[in-house]
Amino acid sequence: MKATELLRFLRYCIVGAINTAITLGVIYLCHSILGWGEYLSNVIGYIAGLINSFLWNRAWVFRAQGSRLRQALRFALGFALCYGLQLAVVFALCHTSLSATELHLPYITLTGYAIATLIGNITYTLLNYLYNKHITFRPTTQI
């Protein structure tokens, strides 16, 4: 992997970490402070994270030009596809012998579900990065 591509992927991961903080913060704000329902708070949190993710990935990670609307629609589709694949990975792994696994680390024990979720998260991150690089934010000259 070239240094520029590694830097881009690192930026993508930084945006992802910020999105996680925003998503969780908005969920907390809506549910715990405003007293809104769990599901509504969750949806609003994920929407806030997705909007933040789109804006930062477009401007900072991929430095994309072109139609914002087209890119936003592709971005949302990529999220849905990659989230679905992540969910399928977690589901599949939870229905193997991994489900009975426990990994004991200092101060924490990871269950089979936690390990499957971690693998699913890695799967989502890699697939979503590739999707956004090659589909959502590909240079306009290639469209």
Protein backbone atom coordinates (compact mmCIF):
# COMPACT_ATOMS: atom_id res chain seq x y z
CA MET A 1 0.00 0.00 0.00
CA LYS A 2 1.35 3.39 -0.97
CA ALA A 3 1.96 6.00 1.73
CA THR A 4 -0.72 8.29 0.27
CA GLU A 5 -3.27 5.48 0.33
CA LEU A 6 -2.30 4.56 3.88
CA LEU A 7 -2.75 8.20 4.92
CA ARG A 8 -6.17 8.28 3.25
CA PHE A 9 -7.20 5.10 5.08
CA LEU A 10 -5.93 6.56 8.36
CA ARG A 11 -8.03 9.69 7.75
CA TYR A 12 -11.00 7.45 7.01
CA CYS A 13 -10.49 5.67 10.34
CA ILE A 14 -10.20 9.01 12.19
CA VAL A 15 -13.49 10.14 10.64
CA GLY A 16 -15.01 6.81 11.68
CA ALA A 17 -13.91 7.29 15.28
CA ILE A 18 -15.35 10.81 15.32
CA ASN A 19 -18.58 9.49 13.80
CA THR A 20 -18.84 6.92 16.56
CA ALA A 21 -18.45 9.63 19.19
CA ILE A 22 -21.05 11.84 17.47
CA THR A 23 -23.49 8.95 17.03
CA LEU A 24 -23.21 7.89 20.66
CA GLY A 25 -23.32 11.49 21.88
CA VAL A 26 -26.48 12.27 19.94
CA ILE A 27 -28.11 9.02 21.11
CA TYR A 28 -27.23 9.92 24.71
CA LEU A 29 -28.46 13.49 24.29
CA CYS A 30 -31.76 12.44 22.73
CA HIS A 31 -32.47 9.57 25.08
CA SER A 32 -30.95 10.48 28.42
CA ILE A 33 -31.25 14.26 28.39
CA LEU A 34 -34.26 14.95 26.17
CA GLY A 35 -36.08 11.77 27.24
CA TRP A 36 -36.90 10.60 23.72
CA GLY A 37 -37.48 6.91 22.97
CA GLU A 38 -34.60 4.47 22.52
CA TYR A 39 -35.29 3.69 18.86
CA LEU A 40 -35.92 7.30 17.82
CA SER A 41 -32.73 8.36 19.63
CA ASN A 42 -30.79 5.59 17.90
CA VAL A 43 -32.08 6.56 14.44
CA ILE A 44 -31.33 10.25 15.01
CA GLY A 45 -27.85 9.37 16.31
CA TYR A 46 -27.05 7.26 13.26
CA ILE A 47 -28.36 9.93 10.90
CA ALA A 48 -26.13 12.52 12.60
CA GLY A 49 -23.14 10.19 12.32
CA LEU A 50 -23.86 9.43 8.67
CA ILE A 51 -24.18 13.10 7.73
CA ASN A 52 -20.94 13.88 9.53
CA SER A 53 -19.25 10.93 7.87
CA PHE A 54 -20.38 11.96 4.40
CA LEU A 55 -19.23 15.56 4.82
CA TRP A 56 -15.79 14.70 6.21
CA ASN A 57 -15.17 11.81 3.83
CA ARG A 58 -16.11 13.95 0.86
CA ALA A 59 -14.03 16.96 1.92
CA TRP A 60 -11.07 15.55 3.84
CA VAL A 61 -10.60 11.87 3.10
CA PHE A 62 -11.39 11.60 -0.61
CA ARG A 63 -11.37 15.33 -1.53
CA ALA A 64 -14.20 14.67 -3.95
CA GLN A 65 -15.71 16.96 -6.54
CA GLY A 66 -18.94 16.52 -8.47
CA SER A 67 -22.58 16.13 -7.58
CA ARG A 68 -23.16 16.13 -3.82
CA LEU A 69 -26.60 14.61 -4.25
CA ARG A 70 -25.35 11.69 -6.35
CA GLN A 71 -22.51 11.11 -3.89
CA ALA A 72 -24.85 11.33 -0.89
CA LEU A 73 -27.18 8.73 -2.41
CA ARG A 74 -24.27 6.43 -3.23
CA PHE A 75 -22.87 6.98 0.25
CA ALA A 76 -26.18 5.99 1.88
CA LEU A 77 -26.44 2.93 -0.36
CA GLY A 78 -22.86 1.95 0.52
CA PHE A 79 -23.64 2.28 4.21
CA ALA A 80 -26.70 0.05 3.86
CA LEU A 81 -24.87 -2.58 1.81
CA CYS A 82 -21.81 -2.70 4.03
CA TYR A 83 -23.89 -2.67 7.20
CA GLY A 84 -25.92 -5.59 5.82
CA LEU A 85 -22.74 -7.52 5.03
CA GLN A 86 -21.37 -6.75 8.49
CA LEU A 87 -24.57 -8.02 10.05
CA ALA A 88 -24.39 -11.19 7.95
CA VAL A 89 -20.81 -11.81 9.11
CA VAL A 90 -21.80 -11.37 12.75
CA PHE A 91 -24.84 -13.61 12.31
CA ALA A 92 -22.83 -16.31 10.52
CA LEU A 93 -20.02 -16.28 13.08
CA CYS A 94 -22.48 -16.41 15.97
CA HIS A 95 -23.86 -19.63 14.54
CA THR A 96 -20.51 -21.42 14.59
CA SER A 97 -18.40 -22.80 17.40
CA LEU A 98 -17.16 -19.23 17.90
CA SER A 99 -20.38 -18.50 19.79
CA ALA A 100 -19.16 -20.66 22.70
CA THR A 101 -15.73 -19.00 22.73
CA GLU A 102 -14.49 -16.68 25.45
CA LEU A 103 -11.25 -14.77 25.14
CA HIS A 104 -9.87 -13.67 28.50
CA LEU A 105 -7.73 -10.55 28.33
CA PRO A 106 -6.50 -8.37 31.18
CA TYR A 107 -9.56 -6.59 32.65
CA ILE A 108 -11.94 -7.84 29.96
CA THR A 109 -13.48 -11.02 28.64
CA LEU A 110 -14.63 -11.14 25.04
CA THR A 111 -17.53 -13.46 24.33
CA GLY A 112 -18.08 -15.13 20.97
CA TYR A 113 -20.59 -12.42 20.11
CA ALA A 114 -18.07 -9.68 20.95
CA ILE A 115 -15.41 -11.34 18.78
CA ALA A 116 -17.92 -11.77 15.94
CA THR A 117 -18.91 -8.11 16.28
CA LEU A 118 -15.27 -7.03 16.15
CA ILE A 119 -14.70 -9.11 12.99
CA GLY A 120 -17.91 -7.69 11.53
CA ASN A 121 -16.76 -4.15 12.32
CA ILE A 122 -13.43 -4.74 10.58
CA THR A 123 -15.31 -6.19 7.61
CA TYR A 124 -17.58 -3.13 7.48
CA THR A 125 -14.68 -0.69 7.73
CA LEU A 126 -12.67 -2.28 4.90
CA LEU A 127 -15.62 -2.84 2.56
CA ASN A 128 -17.08 0.61 3.16
CA TYR A 129 -13.71 2.25 2.54
CA LEU A 130 -13.34 0.40 -0.77
CA TYR A 131 -16.94 1.16 -1.76
CA ASN A 132 -16.49 4.87 -1.07
CA LYS A 133 -13.13 5.01 -2.81
CA HIS A 134 -14.28 3.20 -5.96
CA ILE A 135 -17.98 4.10 -6.17
CA THR A 136 -19.09 7.05 -4.03
CA PHE A 137 -16.12 9.38 -4.38
CA ARG A 138 -14.35 8.12 -7.47
CA PRO A 139 -12.89 10.97 -9.50
CA THR A 140 -15.43 12.65 -11.77
CA THR A 141 -13.33 11.92 -14.83
CA GLN A 142 -14.08 8.20 -14.35
CA ILE A 143 -17.87 8.62 -14.16
